[in-house]
Each structure stands twice: as structure tokens, then as C-alpha cells.
Protein backbone atom coordinates (compact mmCIF):
# COMPACT_ATOMS: atom_id res chain seq x y z
CA MET A 1 -0.01 0.06 0.08
CA ILE A 2 1.51 3.35 -0.80
CA ASN A 3 0.11 6.45 1.24
CA LEU A 4 -0.45 9.44 -1.52
CA ALA A 5 -1.25 12.78 -0.61
CA ILE A 6 -2.89 15.06 -3.31
CA ILE A 7 -2.78 18.73 -2.39
CA VAL A 8 -4.95 21.26 -4.06
CA SER A 9 -5.22 25.15 -3.71
CA ASN A 10 -8.12 27.37 -4.57
CA LEU A 11 -10.41 24.87 -6.27
CA GLU A 12 -14.14 24.87 -5.53
CA SER A 13 -15.09 22.00 -7.80
CA ALA A 14 -13.46 19.73 -10.19
CA LYS A 15 -14.60 16.65 -12.01
CA SER A 16 -11.01 15.86 -12.95
CA PHE A 17 -10.31 14.92 -9.22
CA GLU A 18 -13.31 13.00 -8.90
CA TRP A 19 -12.46 10.59 -11.73
CA ILE A 20 -8.66 10.56 -10.75
CA ALA A 21 -10.10 9.52 -7.17
CA SER A 22 -12.23 6.96 -8.60
CA GLY A 23 -9.51 5.66 -11.12
CA LEU A 24 -6.91 5.44 -8.25
CA GLY A 25 -9.70 3.51 -6.21
CA ASP A 26 -8.29 0.16 -6.86
CA ARG A 27 -4.74 0.65 -7.44
CA GLY A 28 -3.29 -0.18 -4.16
CA PHE A 29 -3.02 3.44 -2.90
CA LYS A 30 -4.50 5.04 0.40
CA GLN A 31 -5.49 8.59 -1.07
CA VAL A 32 -5.37 11.51 1.10
CA TYR A 33 -6.45 15.08 -0.07
CA ILE A 34 -5.39 18.28 1.50
CA PHE A 35 -7.21 21.43 0.23
CA LEU A 36 -6.01 25.01 0.63
CA ASN A 37 -9.01 27.07 0.27
CA PRO A 38 -10.33 30.29 1.91
CA LEU A 39 -13.46 28.15 2.44
CA ASN A 40 -14.73 24.73 2.46
CA SER A 41 -14.65 23.49 -0.93
CA GLN A 42 -17.30 21.55 -2.86
CA LEU A 43 -14.91 19.02 -4.15
CA ALA A 44 -13.83 18.08 -0.75
CA GLU A 45 -17.18 17.24 0.33
CA VAL A 46 -17.74 15.00 -2.45
CA LEU A 47 -14.76 13.17 -1.71
CA LYS A 48 -15.43 13.02 1.68
CA ARG A 49 -18.51 11.24 1.03
CA ARG A 50 -16.77 8.61 -0.62
CA GLY A 51 -14.73 7.63 2.23
CA LEU A 52 -11.45 9.34 1.22
CA ALA A 53 -9.29 11.15 3.74
CA ILE A 54 -9.91 14.81 3.50
CA TYR A 55 -8.21 17.84 5.30
CA GLN A 56 -9.06 21.37 4.66
CA ILE A 57 -6.78 24.27 5.43
CA ARG A 58 -8.02 27.78 5.53
CA TYR A 59 -5.83 29.31 3.28
CA ARG A 60 -6.39 33.21 1.91
CA GLY A 61 -2.93 34.19 0.55
CA LYS A 62 0.43 35.19 1.72
CA LYS A 63 -0.59 35.72 5.51
CA ASP A 64 -1.50 31.99 5.86
CA ILE A 65 1.60 30.53 3.77
CA VAL A 66 3.17 29.61 7.14
CA LYS A 67 0.31 28.14 8.85
CA ALA A 68 -0.37 26.27 5.60
CA LEU A 69 3.08 24.97 5.58
CA TRP A 70 3.25 23.46 9.04
CA SER A 71 -0.38 22.02 8.75
CA CYS A 72 0.80 20.13 5.45
CA CYS A 73 4.05 19.00 7.49
CA ARG A 74 1.64 17.83 10.28
CA ILE A 75 -0.53 16.10 8.04
CA ILE A 76 1.97 14.34 5.78
CA LEU A 77 3.65 12.94 9.03
CA LYS A 78 0.17 11.62 10.69
CA GLU A 79 -0.80 10.00 7.50
CA GLN A 80 2.76 8.55 6.94
CA ILE A 81 2.74 9.64 3.58
CA ASP A 82 5.05 8.16 0.99
CA VAL A 83 4.52 10.31 -2.25
CA VAL A 84 3.28 13.66 -2.74
CA HIS A 85 1.31 15.00 -5.58
CA THR A 86 0.55 18.98 -5.95
CA HIS A 87 -1.72 20.91 -8.33
CA LEU A 88 -1.81 24.53 -8.89
CA PHE A 89 0.64 27.27 -7.77
CA ASP A 90 -0.25 28.01 -4.01
CA ALA A 91 -0.35 24.11 -3.43
CA SER A 92 2.58 23.29 -5.12
CA LEU A 93 4.66 26.11 -3.44
CA ILE A 94 3.75 25.06 -0.07
CA GLY A 95 3.08 21.52 -0.32
CA LEU A 96 6.32 20.50 -2.07
CA ALA A 97 8.09 22.65 0.38
CA ALA A 98 6.61 20.72 3.27
CA ALA A 99 7.12 17.42 1.47
CA ARG A 100 10.95 18.29 1.42
CA ILE A 101 10.80 19.81 5.14
CA VAL A 102 9.59 16.36 6.29
CA GLY A 103 11.60 14.19 3.87
CA ILE A 104 9.36 12.85 1.33
CA LYS A 105 11.46 11.50 -1.52
CA LYS A 106 8.92 11.35 -4.24
CA ARG A 107 7.60 14.84 -4.62
CA ILE A 108 5.50 15.22 -7.81
CA TYR A 109 3.95 18.45 -9.09
CA THR A 110 1.53 18.87 -12.30
CA ARG A 111 2.24 22.24 -14.23
CA HIS A 112 -0.89 23.53 -15.02
CA HIS A 113 0.03 26.56 -16.66
CA SER A 114 2.40 27.54 -19.63
CA THR A 115 3.67 30.97 -20.27
CA ILE A 116 1.09 33.02 -18.34
CA HIS A 117 3.49 34.17 -15.89
CA HIS A 118 6.13 34.98 -18.30
CA GLN A 119 3.80 37.16 -20.17
CA TYR A 120 1.74 38.89 -17.88
CA PHE A 121 3.36 38.25 -14.18
CA PRO A 122 6.95 38.04 -14.79
CA ARG A 123 7.92 38.49 -11.06
CA ALA A 124 5.97 34.81 -10.25
CA VAL A 125 8.56 33.20 -12.69
CA LYS A 126 10.95 32.99 -9.91
CA TYR A 127 8.55 30.85 -8.00
CA ASP A 128 7.89 28.83 -10.65
CA ARG A 129 11.80 27.94 -10.81
CA LEU A 130 11.59 27.54 -6.85
CA ILE A 131 8.70 24.83 -7.32
CA ASN A 132 10.42 23.35 -10.25
CA SER A 133 13.53 22.68 -7.63
CA LEU A 134 11.34 21.56 -5.09
CA ALA A 135 9.99 18.78 -7.07
CA THR A 136 11.45 15.16 -7.75
CA ASP A 137 9.17 14.70 -10.72
CA ILE A 138 7.25 17.31 -12.91
CA ILE A 139 3.90 16.38 -14.82
CA ALA A 140 3.78 18.56 -18.17
CA ILE A 141 0.12 18.11 -19.41
CA SER A 142 1.16 19.05 -23.07
CA LYS A 143 4.36 19.18 -25.01
CA ASN A 144 3.56 22.88 -25.10
CA VAL A 145 3.92 22.86 -21.60
CA ARG A 146 7.22 20.77 -21.62
CA LYS A 147 8.86 23.29 -23.76
CA VAL A 148 8.31 25.98 -21.21
CA LEU A 149 9.91 23.97 -18.55
CA LEU A 150 12.73 23.09 -20.44
CA LYS A 151 13.21 26.84 -21.28
CA GLU A 152 13.25 27.40 -17.30
CA ARG A 153 16.00 24.73 -17.14
CA VAL A 154 14.27 21.82 -15.62
CA ASN A 155 16.46 18.73 -16.29
CA LYS A 156 14.80 16.49 -18.61
CA ARG A 157 14.88 13.43 -16.51
CA LYS A 158 12.25 15.13 -14.14
CA LEU A 159 9.73 15.70 -16.74
CA HIS A 160 6.99 13.24 -17.39
CA LEU A 161 4.36 14.18 -20.32
CA ILE A 162 0.80 13.00 -18.80
CA PRO A 163 -1.56 14.55 -20.79
CA HIS A 164 -5.16 15.02 -18.59
CA GLY A 165 -7.69 12.07 -18.69
CA PHE A 166 -11.48 12.29 -19.28
CA ALA A 167 -14.68 10.30 -18.76
CA ILE A 168 -15.28 10.84 -22.39
CA GLU A 169 -18.74 9.24 -22.26
CA ASP A 170 -19.87 11.76 -19.43
CA PHE A 171 -20.25 14.53 -22.33
CA HIS A 172 -22.39 12.96 -24.37
CA GLU A 173 -24.64 10.78 -22.23
CA VAL A 174 -26.79 13.43 -20.91
CA SER A 175 -30.41 13.16 -19.70
CA ASP A 176 -33.30 15.38 -20.86
CA GLU A 177 -34.13 16.27 -17.06
CA ARG A 178 -30.41 17.64 -16.73
CA LEU A 179 -30.53 19.59 -19.86
CA GLU A 180 -33.57 20.96 -18.65
CA LEU A 181 -32.43 21.91 -15.33
CA VAL A 182 -29.34 23.94 -16.56
CA ARG A 183 -31.87 25.80 -18.78
CA LYS A 184 -34.02 26.86 -15.91
CA THR A 185 -31.22 27.55 -13.71
CA HIS A 186 -29.82 29.93 -16.12
CA ILE A 187 -33.09 30.94 -17.89
CA ILE A 188 -31.59 30.24 -21.01
CA PRO A 189 -33.98 30.63 -23.81
CA LYS A 190 -35.55 27.53 -25.54
CA GLY A 191 -36.18 29.60 -28.96
CA ALA A 192 -32.77 30.12 -29.58
CA ASN A 193 -31.29 29.20 -32.77
CA PRO A 194 -28.14 28.22 -33.27
CA MET A 195 -26.94 28.53 -29.77
CA VAL A 196 -23.50 29.44 -29.69
CA GLY A 197 -21.43 28.07 -26.82
CA VAL A 198 -18.19 29.78 -25.15
CA ILE A 199 -16.87 28.35 -21.86
CA ALA A 200 -13.79 30.58 -20.90
CA ARG A 201 -12.61 32.69 -18.04
CA PHE A 202 -12.98 36.46 -19.26
CA THR A 203 -9.10 36.81 -19.33
CA HIS A 204 -7.17 38.25 -22.44
CA TRP A 205 -5.42 35.77 -23.96
CA LYS A 206 -8.61 33.43 -24.23
CA GLY A 207 -9.60 35.59 -27.22
CA ILE A 208 -13.28 36.33 -26.18
CA GLN A 209 -12.80 39.80 -27.25
CA PHE A 210 -12.70 38.35 -31.11
CA ILE A 211 -15.49 36.28 -30.82
CA ILE A 212 -17.80 38.99 -29.61
CA PRO A 213 -17.65 41.21 -33.06
CA ALA A 214 -18.24 38.17 -35.12
CA PHE A 215 -21.33 37.29 -33.19
CA LYS A 216 -22.34 40.85 -33.70
CA GLU A 217 -22.14 40.22 -37.30
CA PHE A 218 -23.50 36.74 -37.15
CA ILE A 219 -26.65 37.87 -35.55
CA LYS A 220 -27.67 40.20 -38.60
CA GLN A 221 -27.96 36.90 -40.49
CA TYR A 222 -29.36 34.78 -37.87
CA PRO A 223 -31.41 37.05 -35.47
CA LYS A 224 -32.57 34.33 -33.49
CA ALA A 225 -29.12 33.22 -32.56
CA HIS A 226 -27.97 33.38 -29.06
CA MET A 227 -24.74 33.03 -27.60
CA LEU A 228 -23.97 31.65 -24.25
CA LEU A 229 -20.88 32.61 -22.19
CA ALA A 230 -19.86 30.05 -19.17
CA ASN A 231 -17.21 31.06 -16.55
CA ALA A 232 -17.81 34.65 -17.33
CA LYS A 233 -15.38 36.09 -14.59
CA GLY A 234 -11.90 37.38 -14.76
CA ASP A 235 -9.50 40.03 -14.87
CA TYR A 236 -10.70 41.03 -18.19
CA TYR A 237 -14.58 41.42 -17.13
CA ASP A 238 -14.97 45.04 -17.66
CA GLU A 239 -13.40 44.86 -21.19
CA ILE A 240 -15.76 41.89 -22.24
CA MET A 241 -18.71 43.61 -20.82
CA MET A 242 -17.73 46.78 -23.21
CA LEU A 243 -17.86 44.78 -26.12
CA LEU A 244 -21.34 42.96 -25.06
CA LYS A 245 -22.97 46.33 -24.64
CA GLU A 246 -22.96 46.53 -28.46
CA LEU A 247 -25.00 43.72 -28.48
CA PRO A 248 -29.17 43.57 -27.70
CA GLY A 249 -29.12 42.35 -24.19
CA SER A 250 -31.38 39.38 -25.21
CA CYS A 251 -28.94 37.56 -27.62
CA TYR A 252 -26.55 36.48 -24.66
CA THR A 253 -26.71 34.80 -21.55
CA LEU A 254 -23.72 35.07 -18.90
CA ILE A 255 -22.91 32.20 -16.28
CA GLU A 256 -20.59 32.53 -13.98
CA PHE A 257 -20.54 28.78 -12.82
CA GLU A 258 -22.16 25.81 -13.94
CA SER A 259 -21.05 22.44 -12.51
CA ASP A 260 -22.79 20.06 -15.08
CA LEU A 261 -20.58 21.21 -17.93
CA ALA A 262 -21.70 18.00 -19.85
CA ALA A 263 -25.23 19.15 -19.68
CA LEU A 264 -24.05 22.65 -20.90
CA TYR A 265 -21.97 21.37 -24.02
CA GLN A 266 -25.16 19.52 -25.02
CA LEU A 267 -27.04 22.90 -25.34
CA PHE A 268 -24.89 24.53 -27.88
CA ASP A 269 -25.62 23.95 -31.81
CA LEU A 270 -21.57 25.16 -32.23
CA TYR A 271 -19.20 25.73 -29.98
CA ILE A 272 -15.91 28.29 -30.31
CA HIS A 273 -12.80 28.42 -28.42
CA VAL A 274 -10.07 30.51 -29.69
CA PRO A 275 -7.03 31.52 -27.67
CA ILE A 276 -4.73 34.37 -29.07
CA ASP A 277 -1.65 32.36 -29.67
CA ASP A 278 -0.37 28.88 -29.65
CA HIS A 279 0.94 28.84 -26.15
CA SER A 280 -0.67 30.84 -23.90
CA GLU A 281 -3.03 27.48 -23.12
CA ALA A 282 -1.39 24.97 -21.24
CA PHE A 283 -3.64 22.33 -22.19
CA GLY A 284 -7.05 23.55 -22.66
CA GLN A 285 -9.49 21.11 -21.44
CA THR A 286 -12.45 22.60 -23.35
CA TYR A 287 -11.14 21.41 -26.65
CA VAL A 288 -11.69 17.82 -25.54
CA GLU A 289 -14.88 18.31 -23.74
CA ALA A 290 -16.32 20.25 -26.74
CA LEU A 291 -15.15 16.96 -29.07
CA ALA A 292 -16.32 14.25 -26.39
CA ALA A 293 -19.70 16.34 -26.46
CA LYS A 294 -19.68 15.72 -30.14
CA LYS A 295 -20.46 19.46 -31.14
CA PRO A 296 -19.64 21.08 -34.39
CA VAL A 297 -16.49 23.13 -33.25
CA ILE A 298 -14.55 26.05 -34.15
CA PHE A 299 -10.88 26.49 -32.56
CA SER A 300 -7.75 28.37 -32.70
CA LEU A 301 -4.61 26.06 -31.82
CA SER A 302 -3.12 26.31 -28.53
CA GLY A 303 -2.17 24.10 -25.73
CA ILE A 304 -2.92 20.46 -26.50
CA ALA A 305 -4.92 21.48 -29.84
CA ASN A 306 -1.62 21.97 -31.23
CA GLU A 307 -0.76 18.51 -31.29
CA PHE A 308 -4.15 16.39 -32.70
CA ILE A 309 -6.45 19.09 -34.06
CA ARG A 310 -6.72 19.53 -37.93
CA ASP A 311 -8.69 21.67 -39.97
CA GLY A 312 -11.31 19.98 -41.77
CA TYR A 313 -10.48 16.71 -40.05
CA ASN A 314 -11.77 16.91 -36.54
CA ALA A 315 -12.71 20.76 -36.14
CA ILE A 316 -12.90 24.03 -38.08
CA VAL A 317 -9.53 25.93 -37.40
CA VAL A 318 -9.25 29.59 -37.51
CA ASP A 319 -6.37 31.99 -37.38
CA TYR A 320 -5.53 33.97 -34.01
CA GLN A 321 -7.32 37.09 -33.06
CA ASP A 322 -9.25 36.78 -36.20
CA SER A 323 -13.04 38.08 -35.74
CA THR A 324 -13.51 37.83 -39.42
CA GLY A 325 -12.23 34.10 -39.57
CA ILE A 326 -14.70 33.14 -36.76
CA LEU A 327 -17.45 34.54 -38.39
CA ASN A 328 -16.89 32.80 -41.81
CA ALA A 329 -16.43 29.73 -39.77
CA MET A 330 -19.85 29.84 -38.24
CA ASN A 331 -21.41 30.93 -41.44
CA ARG A 332 -19.78 27.70 -42.92
CA ILE A 333 -21.44 25.51 -40.10
CA ILE A 334 -24.90 27.04 -40.10
CA SER A 335 -25.24 27.07 -44.07
CA ASP A 336 -23.23 24.28 -45.15
CA GLY A 337 -23.82 22.18 -42.62
CA TYR A 338 -21.02 20.58 -40.51
CA ASN A 339 -19.26 17.21 -41.37
CA ASP A 340 -20.97 14.47 -39.44
CA LYS A 341 -17.47 12.60 -40.10
CA CYS A 342 -15.68 15.40 -38.78
CA LYS A 343 -17.67 15.41 -35.34
CA GLU A 344 -17.17 11.64 -35.42
CA GLN A 345 -13.36 11.84 -35.78
CA GLY A 346 -13.18 14.77 -33.36
CA PHE A 347 -14.89 12.20 -30.79
CA LEU A 348 -12.78 9.10 -31.84
CA ASP A 349 -9.47 11.09 -31.52
CA VAL A 350 -9.92 12.27 -27.84
CA GLN A 351 -11.48 9.01 -26.83
CA GLU A 352 -8.13 7.39 -27.95
CA ARG A 353 -5.81 10.13 -26.54
CA PHE A 354 -7.51 11.30 -23.41
CA ASN A 355 -9.28 8.28 -22.03
CA LEU A 356 -9.31 8.11 -18.05
CA PRO A 357 -7.43 4.76 -17.69
CA LEU A 358 -4.88 6.08 -19.81
CA MET A 359 -4.01 8.60 -17.64
CA ILE A 360 -4.29 6.47 -14.45
CA ASN A 361 -2.10 3.78 -15.88
CA ARG A 362 0.80 6.59 -16.40
CA LEU A 363 0.01 8.25 -12.85
CA GLU A 364 0.28 4.74 -11.29
CA LYS A 365 3.57 4.09 -13.18
CA LEU A 366 5.05 7.22 -11.77
CA TYR A 367 3.83 6.92 -8.33
CA LYS A 368 5.12 3.33 -7.93
CA GLY A 369 8.56 3.97 -10.02
């Protein structure tokens, strides 16, 4: 039996950790989850109901670092942990430091961001380098992330390329009751056609500022069209809202949070995700989710999409920062129809590359190695 501690910070809910917990359940691990959050986490409660060992440390930022560090040390020693695996920035900084202090020999972290600190928060890069040094093993979730880590002079021997895994079937097996609940919860109009979906934080590099002008022109030809913007929060919120003011208020819906993403995807007639460059997206789970939901998709290539998305084969690909290209792609989907073979190929590609057992097998090998 290997005692495994998974440490996560500032996360309210995430299906991916529920899937990991289930996947590791019969692999000979005792799982201990440590959450560093300002408030109790919904995910922690879900995992607790499954009988897993859960610890919640109140963490509100820098002022709580020392307390959180020693709390992690105490829990690691109490649970006789053999392997520590951290996720997200604060958890990695604090959790790996704690693991090193108490002498854990296997210290793993998953790098969930790529060039964001280099581009937008250069002072944080030194902390990335510190985290890299504290880890004995680093999981890169895409070749893009691996490239960034190598630029940060991480030893190749520490790197492991392990993309995210998904319960693929969850995204296309959605009941009518779940669809109706999501629709009612967010007052999404039934008569909208087509329904255009966007699931992305309101931050500059996600490229939403190029989707809105395209949709503004699109509704001139399709006045019943409706755009649904989910995960509608972030540091670019004011700028996005200024652009939305140019649209009729009845033609879009903002959703700050929805836990049933699979149902949300099934409401869309087409889906758009267009980051502004090839490297800002570390992975881009929404690429996989949209294809798993078998939706017509418009993508720019960033993160994991660089590795398997091909225009006209499993998606429609547009250039970066190109509202006209997005509009043309939308018109192409609605007027010419979307190739069913394209949808099916996208589904087959994510099923083969990003299925949950594949990721669990790779994690198990790393934990036991």
C-alpha cells in the first residue's frame, strides 16, 4: 500500500479530481486529499462522502503561508505519506516545501500553466523555478508545457508527459432532465437558434474579445441566434462587458458557474474556443470536452490542440485574433452544415488520446516508480 497525498489549492469543484479519485481507488493507494482554500470546498465534500481522507486548511493568501506549510507537514507525518502530488500554484509552493521539510522522497507536481507568468506576471517566474527545484518529478500536461519547462532549465529526467484524462462518455450521455435543469437555472431561452457556446474565463488571452464582434455580425443574418458565455468572470471582465454592450441584451446569457458542464455543452449548436496564440493555453480541457460532446467546433490552436486538431478533419480551425475568420467559420457551419465525419473523428480522437484509464495507468507508473 502506497500512501498518496494529493494537495490542491483554490479549487471549488473539478470533475477531473473526482475521476482521478475513482481511477486510483483500486490501484493499491491510500488517497489523502489536502485542500488549501479560503472556504470549504465542494470537491472536498464530494470526496469525503466517498470515504477518502480529507483535510481542509484555511488559506487566503500570503498571510496564511506559514500556517498552511506547518499544517501540511503535520498531516503528511500523521498519515505516513510516501508520495506527495501537488496541483496549482499555491499548493505546489507550500505542499512541495512541506514534503521536502519532512523528508518525502517522491515529490510530484503537475504544471497547469504554460507561459502566463512569463507574459503577464514576470515576478512569479522565480516562484515557478523554486517549485521546479522542490519537485523530484514534474508532470507536463502537453508538449507546450514541456517546452516551457525546458526553457526554465528543468532537467529532462524530471519531466513526464501525462495529458489530462477524461470520462469521455460523460459528455454525450446526458439526460433530458439535466438539460432542462441547466436551462431553467440560468434562464436560457428555448427558442434560440443557433445556440453559440463559449466556456472560458474572461481573461485577455482566451480571445473572447474576437468572438463577440463576429457574433455581432452573425446575428444580422441569424437574428434568433443566442450566445452563451460560461465561466463569465476574470481580470478582463470590464473589457468584455464593454463589447457586449454593443449587442442586444436578449441575444446572450452570462453564466458565472455551472457544475454540470456536460449538460451545458449539449445545449450548444456550435462551440467556439479561440485563444490568442499557440502557447498561452497550457492544455485547454475545453477542446477535449467539446469534441467528447460531439459538437461542431471552431478552434484556434493552442495548448493540447497543437498536437491533434486538424482543420476539416476533426474541427474548423481559424487564425489567431481573427473575428472575420470566426464569423466565416460560423456561417460555414450553419449554411453548409457540419461534416458528421468531422464530429465523429473528433470524438474518436479524444477517446483514444485522453481516456481516463490511460492517464491513471501513467500516474500509477509514476507513483510506484
